[in-house]
Amino acid sequence: MRVLILGSGGREHAIGLKISGSSLLDATFFGPGNAGTEQLGTNVPLDPMDFPAVVDFVKANRIDMVVVGPEAPLVAGIADHFAADKTLSSVSVIGPAKAGAALEGSKVFSKEFMHRHRIPTAKYGTFGKGEVRDALAFLRKMKAPYVVKASGLAAGKGVVVTEVLAEAEAAVRSMIRGEAFGSAGKEIVIEEFLKGVEVSMFAVTDGNAWRLLSPAMDYKRIGEGNTGPNTGGMGAISPVPHVTPEFMEKVKNQVVIPTIRGLQRDNIPYQGFLFFGLMKVQGDPYVIEYNCRLGDPETQIVLPLLETDLLHLMDGLANGLLSEIDVSLSPKAAAAVILASEGYPGDYKKGEAISLPDSKTMDKDQHIVHAGTNVVNGEVVTSGGRVMACVGMGADVKQAAEKAHALAEAVQFKGKTYRSDIGTVA
């Protein structure tokens, strides 16, 4: 198979690494890719949001499968764009159509979906243009901490959580008026704060059958001990210490199955990866959010723990044959430590030269996943806030984290920032 992976981050490099050993694979292309993906296939200067250009490339290069990494093209309807072109009927697109991607693209839609199908989530209210007064009245009835979310895509930054009512009120006003997050915030969700521990869960589904990947925990805060501002993720571990077999059964019966059935009842086709951002509250799962694709940095550890051929799995879900595929998960543990640019998640410099350890000195259970990297004049340099993930695997999380941290210390670039407590704090 000839595969095009759209995106340029760690998730896309991790997908490329996972399918690189598949017997089904003939060639891999990345649009646009990064310095790591360049070692696995061919990087092409494609903008995932330029659908006509993507289609032209697919036709010219006889692509069999398009794997859509980031959320924006899915929410914008790239799968629908392909489906509308009858000459592309033989091309598999891994990712839901626009209707299914709305689970991530609109928090208002996803909350109403959960309410309609009795999927446990935090109590909430939704508000839009002209409803500032109603939103403030609802907010004042809530207890601190206050949670205000922009409904649309805001690159993971559209959530305000504060103990101060005045700050929450200011967030409501600025979002609805379009001053914060632009059009993404003109519809908002105000919801109850849930106190518990977060869990990332990923399903692969063809709309009927579904398979779960290993649960993971993502470290969002920039600082040690879960302090400082939220980021796109500074590390991840799997398995998750507080995910018990009993909790997993609740997740399946109270969240996953009702979600799949809900999509069916609403006549929403769904083909691809479905992420459940969960909060474990007093032993029960509550859905914080859905994502319509694999998450980052969780993908970097979840995929190495998948023993089933990922390309075979994606081919099966694209052809409605997922029910015939058994998913095998490794009993090992994995940890990822993200190396970030100095200043992230705020302003940061790009173009810093990166010194990578010789692969011969690395343990077989260590590897690097590139994210914000590029090649300039033959040299690998930083090009993003989150630069790369240092991944370690082991018999347990402690051992996996030790290997990940050892690798993080071996990589060098000016301003390198990372958390030294990944895997040691909950």
Protein backbone atom coordinates (compact mmCIF):
# COMPACT_ATOMS: atom_id res chain seq x y z
CA MET A 1 0.00 0.00 0.00
CA ARG A 2 1.04 3.57 -0.71
CA VAL A 3 0.20 5.71 2.33
CA LEU A 4 0.00 9.50 2.78
CA ILE A 5 0.12 10.72 6.39
CA LEU A 6 -1.09 14.30 6.76
CA GLY A 7 0.48 16.42 9.49
CA SER A 8 3.88 17.44 10.81
CA GLY A 9 3.94 16.56 14.50
CA GLY A 10 4.91 13.79 16.86
CA ARG A 11 1.67 11.91 16.25
CA GLU A 12 2.40 11.66 12.53
CA HIS A 13 6.00 10.52 13.07
CA ALA A 14 4.76 7.93 15.59
CA ILE A 15 2.22 6.60 13.08
CA GLY A 16 4.92 6.43 10.42
CA LEU A 17 7.25 4.54 12.76
CA LYS A 18 4.53 2.06 13.63
CA ILE A 19 3.57 1.20 10.05
CA SER A 20 7.16 1.20 8.77
CA GLY A 21 7.57 -2.51 9.43
CA SER A 22 4.23 -3.60 7.95
CA SER A 23 4.30 -6.19 5.19
CA LEU A 24 1.43 -4.28 3.56
CA LEU A 25 3.48 -1.10 3.12
CA ASP A 26 5.00 -0.13 -0.23
CA ALA A 27 5.71 3.58 0.30
CA THR A 28 5.03 6.33 2.85
CA PHE A 29 4.59 10.04 2.17
CA PHE A 30 4.23 12.77 4.79
CA GLY A 31 2.52 16.09 4.16
CA PRO A 32 4.40 18.09 5.25
CA GLY A 33 6.21 15.92 7.83
CA ASN A 34 9.30 16.82 9.89
CA ALA A 35 12.95 15.87 10.29
CA GLY A 36 12.04 12.47 11.71
CA THR A 37 9.52 11.49 9.05
CA GLU A 38 12.12 12.28 6.39
CA GLN A 39 13.97 9.15 7.54
CA LEU A 40 10.90 6.95 6.98
CA GLY A 41 9.60 8.09 3.62
CA THR A 42 9.13 11.17 1.48
CA ASN A 43 8.20 14.57 2.88
CA VAL A 44 6.05 16.62 0.51
CA PRO A 45 5.17 20.33 0.94
CA LEU A 46 1.44 19.80 1.44
CA ASP A 47 -0.87 21.90 3.59
CA PRO A 48 -3.41 19.45 5.11
CA MET A 49 -6.04 22.21 4.84
CA ASP A 50 -5.53 22.61 1.08
CA PHE A 51 -7.89 19.81 0.05
CA PRO A 52 -7.55 20.25 -3.74
CA ALA A 53 -3.75 20.07 -3.48
CA VAL A 54 -3.99 16.93 -1.31
CA VAL A 55 -6.36 15.32 -3.85
CA ASP A 56 -4.05 16.18 -6.74
CA PHE A 57 -1.11 14.60 -4.92
CA VAL A 58 -3.12 11.47 -4.09
CA LYS A 59 -4.13 11.02 -7.73
CA ALA A 60 -0.67 11.75 -9.15
CA ASN A 61 1.09 9.38 -6.74
CA ARG A 62 -1.43 6.52 -6.70
CA ILE A 63 -2.02 6.77 -2.95
CA ASP A 64 -4.13 3.95 -1.45
CA MET A 65 -4.66 5.35 2.05
CA VAL A 66 -4.71 8.85 3.55
CA VAL A 67 -4.19 8.99 7.32
CA VAL A 68 -5.35 12.35 8.66
CA GLY A 69 -3.32 13.23 11.75
CA PRO A 70 -4.53 16.68 12.94
CA GLU A 71 -8.08 17.66 13.82
CA ALA A 72 -8.50 20.82 11.72
CA PRO A 73 -8.81 19.12 8.29
CA LEU A 74 -11.19 16.52 9.72
CA VAL A 75 -13.43 19.16 11.27
CA ALA A 76 -13.31 21.09 7.99
CA GLY A 77 -14.49 18.00 6.08
CA ILE A 78 -11.52 16.47 4.26
CA ALA A 79 -13.12 13.01 4.40
CA ASP A 80 -16.29 14.43 2.81
CA HIS A 81 -14.17 16.11 0.12
CA PHE A 82 -12.69 12.74 -0.84
CA ALA A 83 -16.06 10.97 -0.69
CA ALA A 84 -17.53 13.51 -3.13
CA ASP A 85 -14.94 12.61 -5.79
CA LYS A 86 -15.98 9.34 -7.43
CA THR A 87 -12.52 8.90 -8.95
CA LEU A 88 -11.18 8.48 -5.39
CA SER A 89 -13.54 5.69 -4.35
CA SER A 90 -10.64 3.24 -3.97
CA VAL A 91 -8.73 5.56 -1.60
CA SER A 92 -9.22 4.92 2.12
CA VAL A 93 -9.37 7.98 4.37
CA ILE A 94 -8.60 7.25 8.02
CA GLY A 95 -10.61 9.84 9.92
CA PRO A 96 -14.31 10.63 10.29
CA ALA A 97 -16.47 12.77 8.03
CA LYS A 98 -17.36 16.28 9.13
CA ALA A 99 -20.49 15.14 11.01
CA GLY A 100 -18.46 12.80 13.21
CA ALA A 101 -15.56 15.23 13.62
CA ALA A 102 -18.04 17.68 15.17
CA LEU A 103 -17.55 15.70 18.38
CA GLU A 104 -14.25 17.56 18.63
CA GLY A 105 -14.99 20.59 16.49
CA SER A 106 -17.90 21.79 18.65
CA LYS A 107 -17.95 21.38 22.41
CA VAL A 108 -21.59 22.47 22.35
CA PHE A 109 -22.40 19.64 19.93
CA SER A 110 -20.44 17.07 21.95
CA LYS A 111 -22.07 18.07 25.27
CA GLU A 112 -25.53 17.86 23.71
CA PHE A 113 -24.57 14.48 22.18
CA MET A 114 -23.53 13.19 25.61
CA HIS A 115 -26.68 14.51 27.24
CA ARG A 116 -28.88 12.98 24.52
CA HIS A 117 -27.28 9.55 24.86
CA ARG A 118 -26.88 9.59 28.65
CA ILE A 119 -23.10 9.52 28.62
CA PRO A 120 -21.71 10.74 31.97
CA THR A 121 -20.23 14.23 31.79
CA ALA A 122 -20.05 17.36 33.93
CA LYS A 123 -23.18 19.50 34.39
CA TYR A 124 -23.11 22.33 31.89
CA GLY A 125 -24.77 25.23 30.08
CA THR A 126 -24.19 26.40 26.49
CA PHE A 127 -24.37 30.01 25.31
CA GLY A 128 -23.78 32.00 22.14
CA LYS A 129 -24.10 35.39 20.52
CA GLY A 130 -26.39 37.76 22.43
CA GLU A 131 -26.48 35.51 25.51
CA VAL A 132 -23.76 37.09 27.64
CA ARG A 133 -26.25 38.05 30.37
CA ASP A 134 -27.69 34.51 30.52
CA ALA A 135 -24.20 33.02 30.57
CA LEU A 136 -23.12 35.24 33.46
CA ALA A 137 -26.28 34.37 35.41
CA PHE A 138 -25.57 30.65 34.91
CA LEU A 139 -21.91 31.08 35.86
CA ARG A 140 -22.79 32.82 39.13
CA LYS A 141 -24.84 29.79 40.20
CA MET A 142 -21.79 27.52 39.80
CA LYS A 143 -19.23 26.78 42.49
CA ALA A 144 -15.52 27.55 42.15
CA PRO A 145 -13.34 26.51 40.38
CA TYR A 146 -15.15 27.90 37.32
CA VAL A 147 -14.70 26.24 33.91
CA VAL A 148 -15.34 28.20 30.70
CA LYS A 149 -14.63 26.60 27.31
CA ALA A 150 -14.62 27.94 23.77
CA SER A 151 -16.80 25.61 21.72
CA GLY A 152 -14.66 25.54 18.58
CA LEU A 153 -11.08 24.49 17.88
CA ALA A 154 -8.59 26.63 19.77
CA ALA A 155 -5.39 24.55 19.54
CA GLY A 156 -5.90 23.19 23.05
CA LYS A 157 -5.93 26.69 24.58
CA GLY A 158 -9.65 27.47 24.65
CA VAL A 159 -10.29 26.53 28.28
CA VAL A 160 -10.24 28.85 31.27
CA VAL A 161 -10.26 27.31 34.76
CA THR A 162 -10.16 29.78 37.65
CA GLU A 163 -11.10 30.11 41.30
CA VAL A 164 -11.90 33.80 40.75
CA LEU A 165 -15.44 34.62 39.60
CA ALA A 166 -14.39 37.94 38.05
CA GLU A 167 -11.82 36.16 35.86
CA ALA A 168 -14.43 33.63 34.71
CA GLU A 169 -16.86 36.46 33.93
CA ALA A 170 -14.20 38.24 31.89
CA ALA A 171 -13.54 35.02 29.97
CA VAL A 172 -17.25 34.65 29.18
CA ARG A 173 -17.48 38.19 27.82
CA SER A 174 -14.27 38.05 25.76
CA MET A 175 -15.08 34.66 24.24
CA ILE A 176 -18.65 35.39 23.18
CA ARG A 177 -17.65 38.78 21.79
CA GLY A 178 -14.94 37.10 19.73
CA GLU A 179 -12.08 38.87 21.52
CA ALA A 180 -10.59 35.60 22.76
CA PHE A 181 -10.09 32.65 20.37
CA GLY A 182 -11.96 34.41 17.54
CA SER A 183 -14.88 32.48 16.06
CA ALA A 184 -13.93 29.40 18.13
CA GLY A 185 -15.18 31.14 21.28
CA LYS A 186 -18.38 32.74 20.04
CA GLU A 187 -20.20 29.70 21.38
CA ILE A 188 -19.15 28.64 24.85
CA VAL A 189 -19.70 25.91 27.41
CA ILE A 190 -19.75 26.65 31.13
CA GLU A 191 -19.44 23.48 33.13
CA GLU A 192 -19.06 22.04 36.57
CA PHE A 193 -15.49 21.44 37.72
CA LEU A 194 -14.81 17.73 38.15
CA LYS A 195 -12.22 16.77 40.75
CA GLY A 196 -10.48 13.52 39.97
CA VAL A 197 -7.69 12.03 37.86
CA GLU A 198 -7.54 12.23 34.07
CA VAL A 199 -7.31 9.26 31.72
CA SER A 200 -6.80 9.25 27.96
CA MET A 201 -8.60 6.43 26.15
CA PHE A 202 -8.42 5.67 22.44
CA ALA A 203 -10.75 3.56 20.34
CA VAL A 204 -10.46 2.44 16.73
CA THR A 205 -13.89 2.10 15.12
CA ASP A 206 -15.54 1.60 11.74
CA GLY A 207 -18.83 2.83 13.17
CA ASN A 208 -19.95 -0.64 14.25
CA ALA A 209 -17.08 -2.63 15.69
CA TRP A 210 -14.57 -0.97 18.01
CA ARG A 211 -11.27 -1.83 19.64
CA LEU A 212 -9.56 -0.07 22.56
CA LEU A 213 -5.88 0.79 22.66
CA SER A 214 -3.85 1.05 25.89
CA PRO A 215 -5.07 3.75 28.32
CA ALA A 216 -2.66 6.62 28.92
CA MET A 217 -2.13 9.61 31.17
CA ASP A 218 -1.00 12.93 29.72
CA TYR A 219 0.94 15.56 31.69
CA LYS A 220 -0.44 18.92 30.58
CA ARG A 221 1.31 21.41 32.87
CA ILE A 222 4.66 22.89 31.87
CA GLY A 223 6.21 22.66 35.35
CA GLU A 224 7.36 20.02 37.79
CA GLY A 225 4.68 18.73 40.12
CA ASN A 226 1.93 19.67 37.65
CA THR A 227 2.44 23.42 38.04
CA GLY A 228 2.36 26.33 35.62
CA PRO A 229 0.28 26.88 32.48
CA ASN A 230 -1.28 24.12 30.39
CA THR A 231 0.52 22.95 27.27
CA GLY A 232 -0.18 20.53 24.46
CA GLY A 233 1.34 17.86 26.69
CA MET A 234 4.78 17.52 28.33
CA GLY A 235 4.79 13.75 28.66
CA ALA A 236 2.67 10.63 28.98
CA ILE A 237 2.67 7.19 30.54
CA SER A 238 0.90 3.89 29.96
CA PRO A 239 -0.47 1.89 31.68
CA VAL A 240 -2.14 4.26 34.14
CA PRO A 241 -1.81 3.29 37.84
CA HIS A 242 -5.39 4.25 38.76
CA VAL A 243 -7.03 2.45 35.82
CA THR A 244 -8.32 -0.81 37.26
CA PRO A 245 -10.16 -3.66 35.49
CA GLU A 246 -13.35 -2.51 37.25
CA PHE A 247 -12.90 1.04 35.95
CA MET A 248 -12.24 -0.27 32.42
CA GLU A 249 -15.54 -2.16 32.47
CA LYS A 250 -17.33 1.04 33.46
CA VAL A 251 -15.60 2.91 30.63
CA LYS A 252 -16.73 0.31 28.10
CA ASN A 253 -20.32 0.08 29.30
CA GLN A 254 -20.98 3.69 30.31
CA VAL A 255 -18.89 5.58 27.73
CA VAL A 256 -17.60 3.65 24.72
CA ILE A 257 -20.65 1.53 23.86
CA PRO A 258 -23.16 4.39 24.39
CA THR A 259 -20.98 6.65 22.19
CA ILE A 260 -20.84 4.16 19.30
CA ARG A 261 -24.58 3.47 19.62
CA GLY A 262 -25.26 7.19 19.84
CA LEU A 263 -23.44 7.80 16.56
CA GLN A 264 -25.48 5.05 14.95
CA ARG A 265 -28.78 6.40 16.28
CA ASP A 266 -27.93 9.90 15.07
CA ASN A 267 -27.00 8.48 11.64
CA ILE A 268 -23.44 9.79 11.95
CA PRO A 269 -20.93 7.56 10.13
CA TYR A 270 -17.60 7.27 11.91
CA GLN A 271 -14.43 5.67 10.60
CA GLY A 272 -11.16 6.26 12.39
CA PHE A 273 -9.75 6.94 15.83
CA LEU A 274 -11.92 8.27 18.64
CA PHE A 275 -10.35 9.74 21.76
CA PHE A 276 -12.14 9.88 25.10
CA GLY A 277 -10.73 12.42 27.54
CA LEU A 278 -11.96 11.02 30.84
CA MET A 279 -11.98 12.07 34.47
CA LYS A 280 -12.12 9.34 37.09
CA VAL A 281 -14.32 10.75 39.86
CA GLN A 282 -14.80 8.52 42.91
CA GLY A 283 -14.29 5.44 40.75
CA ASP A 284 -16.62 6.47 37.91
CA PRO A 285 -15.73 7.75 34.40
CA TYR A 286 -16.92 11.14 33.16
CA VAL A 287 -16.22 12.40 29.64
CA ILE A 288 -14.39 15.74 29.57
CA GLU A 289 -14.04 15.81 25.80
CA TYR A 290 -13.92 13.81 22.60
CA ASN A 291 -11.20 14.08 19.95
CA CYS A 292 -11.71 12.77 16.42
CA ARG A 293 -8.10 11.57 16.02
CA LEU A 294 -5.14 10.22 17.93
CA GLY A 295 -3.81 12.51 20.66
CA ASP A 296 -0.37 13.96 21.17
CA PRO A 297 1.78 13.00 23.10
CA GLU A 298 -0.21 9.89 24.03
CA THR A 299 0.15 8.43 20.52
CA GLN A 300 3.90 8.25 21.04
CA ILE A 301 3.46 5.68 23.82
CA VAL A 302 0.16 4.00 22.91
CA LEU A 303 1.30 2.88 19.46
CA PRO A 304 4.53 1.19 20.66
CA LEU A 305 2.32 -0.87 23.00
CA LEU A 306 0.14 -2.02 20.09
CA GLU A 307 1.37 -5.43 18.93
CA THR A 308 -1.14 -5.69 16.07
CA ASP A 309 -0.02 -4.42 12.64
CA LEU A 310 -1.38 -0.83 12.62
CA LEU A 311 -1.63 -0.65 8.83
CA HIS A 312 -3.60 -3.92 8.77
CA LEU A 313 -5.83 -2.51 11.52
CA MET A 314 -6.50 0.72 9.60
CA ASP A 315 -7.13 -1.19 6.38
CA GLY A 316 -9.67 -3.34 8.23
CA LEU A 317 -11.55 -0.40 9.70
CA ALA A 318 -11.61 1.35 6.31
CA ASN A 319 -13.18 -1.72 4.72
CA GLY A 320 -15.68 -2.42 7.50
CA LEU A 321 -13.79 -5.53 8.59
CA LEU A 322 -12.65 -4.38 12.00
CA SER A 323 -14.84 -6.99 13.72
CA GLU A 324 -12.60 -9.68 12.22
CA ILE A 325 -9.37 -8.22 13.64
CA ASP A 326 -8.10 -9.00 17.12
CA VAL A 327 -6.08 -6.24 18.77
CA SER A 328 -3.13 -7.40 20.84
CA LEU A 329 -1.60 -5.05 23.42
CA SER A 330 1.83 -5.41 24.99
CA PRO A 331 2.03 -6.11 28.75
CA LYS A 332 4.99 -3.69 28.93
CA ALA A 333 4.87 -0.04 30.00
CA ALA A 334 5.83 3.07 28.04
CA ALA A 335 6.71 6.64 28.95
CA ALA A 336 7.38 9.76 26.89
CA VAL A 337 9.24 12.87 28.00
CA ILE A 338 8.65 15.89 25.79
CA LEU A 339 11.56 18.20 25.04
CA ALA A 340 10.29 21.72 24.50
CA SER A 341 11.76 25.03 23.37
CA GLU A 342 12.61 27.59 26.05
CA GLY A 343 9.61 29.86 26.63
CA TYR A 344 6.97 27.34 25.55
CA PRO A 345 3.93 27.51 25.83
CA GLY A 346 4.61 31.21 25.30
CA ASP A 347 6.99 32.72 22.77
CA TYR A 348 10.04 30.68 21.84
CA LYS A 349 12.93 30.69 19.37
CA LYS A 350 13.17 28.42 16.35
CA GLY A 351 16.18 27.19 14.43
CA GLU A 352 18.27 25.91 17.34
CA ALA A 353 20.64 23.11 16.26
CA ILE A 354 19.84 19.71 17.79
CA SER A 355 22.48 17.16 18.79
CA LEU A 356 21.03 13.64 18.80
CA PRO A 357 22.59 10.58 20.44
CA ASP A 358 24.03 7.88 18.20
CA SER A 359 21.39 5.20 17.72
CA LYS A 360 24.05 2.59 18.53
CA THR A 361 24.27 3.95 22.08
CA MET A 362 20.52 3.76 22.62
CA ASP A 363 18.74 0.90 24.36
CA LYS A 364 16.46 -1.20 22.14
CA ASP A 365 13.59 0.07 24.30
CA GLN A 366 14.41 3.72 23.63
CA HIS A 367 13.52 5.83 20.60
CA ILE A 368 12.94 9.44 19.60
CA VAL A 369 9.77 10.79 18.00
CA HIS A 370 10.20 14.10 16.20
CA ALA A 371 7.56 16.85 16.43
CA GLY A 372 8.72 20.46 16.01
CA THR A 373 11.85 19.74 13.98
CA ASN A 374 13.09 20.59 10.52
CA VAL A 375 16.20 20.05 8.40
CA VAL A 376 18.09 23.18 7.37
CA ASN A 377 21.30 22.81 5.34
CA GLY A 378 21.53 19.18 6.38
CA GLU A 379 21.21 19.97 10.10
CA VAL A 380 18.26 19.04 12.33
CA VAL A 381 16.92 22.18 14.04
CA THR A 382 14.00 23.13 16.26
CA SER A 383 10.88 24.45 14.50
CA GLY A 384 8.18 24.25 17.18
CA GLY A 385 7.32 24.61 20.85
CA ARG A 386 7.31 20.90 21.52
CA VAL A 387 10.41 19.63 19.75
CA MET A 388 10.43 15.86 20.25
CA ALA A 389 9.41 13.00 22.51
CA CYS A 390 11.94 10.75 24.18
CA VAL A 391 10.24 7.38 24.56
CA GLY A 392 11.21 4.55 26.87
CA MET A 393 9.69 1.12 27.39
CA GLY A 394 10.10 -1.28 30.29
CA ALA A 395 8.56 -3.85 32.56
CA ASP A 396 6.73 -1.11 34.48
CA VAL A 397 6.19 2.65 34.34
CA LYS A 398 9.17 3.34 36.64
CA GLN A 399 11.58 1.51 34.35
CA ALA A 400 10.05 3.02 31.20
CA ALA A 401 10.29 6.54 32.66
CA GLU A 402 13.93 6.03 33.65
CA LYS A 403 14.79 5.11 30.06
CA ALA A 404 12.82 8.04 28.68
CA HIS A 405 14.55 10.50 31.04
CA ALA A 406 18.00 9.08 30.22
CA LEU A 407 17.30 9.69 26.54
CA ALA A 408 15.99 13.20 27.28
CA GLU A 409 19.31 14.03 28.95
CA ALA A 410 21.26 12.75 25.94
CA VAL A 411 19.56 15.07 23.43
CA GLN A 412 21.03 18.57 23.35
CA PHE A 413 19.83 21.91 21.99
CA LYS A 414 19.92 25.47 23.30
CA GLY A 415 17.02 26.20 25.65
CA LYS A 416 15.97 22.55 26.04
CA THR A 417 13.10 22.34 28.55
CA TYR A 418 11.53 19.21 29.98
CA ARG A 419 9.93 17.80 33.09
CA SER A 420 12.05 15.42 35.17
CA ASP A 421 9.03 14.03 37.06
CA ILE A 422 7.14 12.26 34.23
CA GLY A 423 6.07 8.89 35.57
CA THR A 424 6.71 9.75 39.21
CA VAL A 425 3.69 12.00 39.92
CA ALA A 426 0.01 11.31 39.29
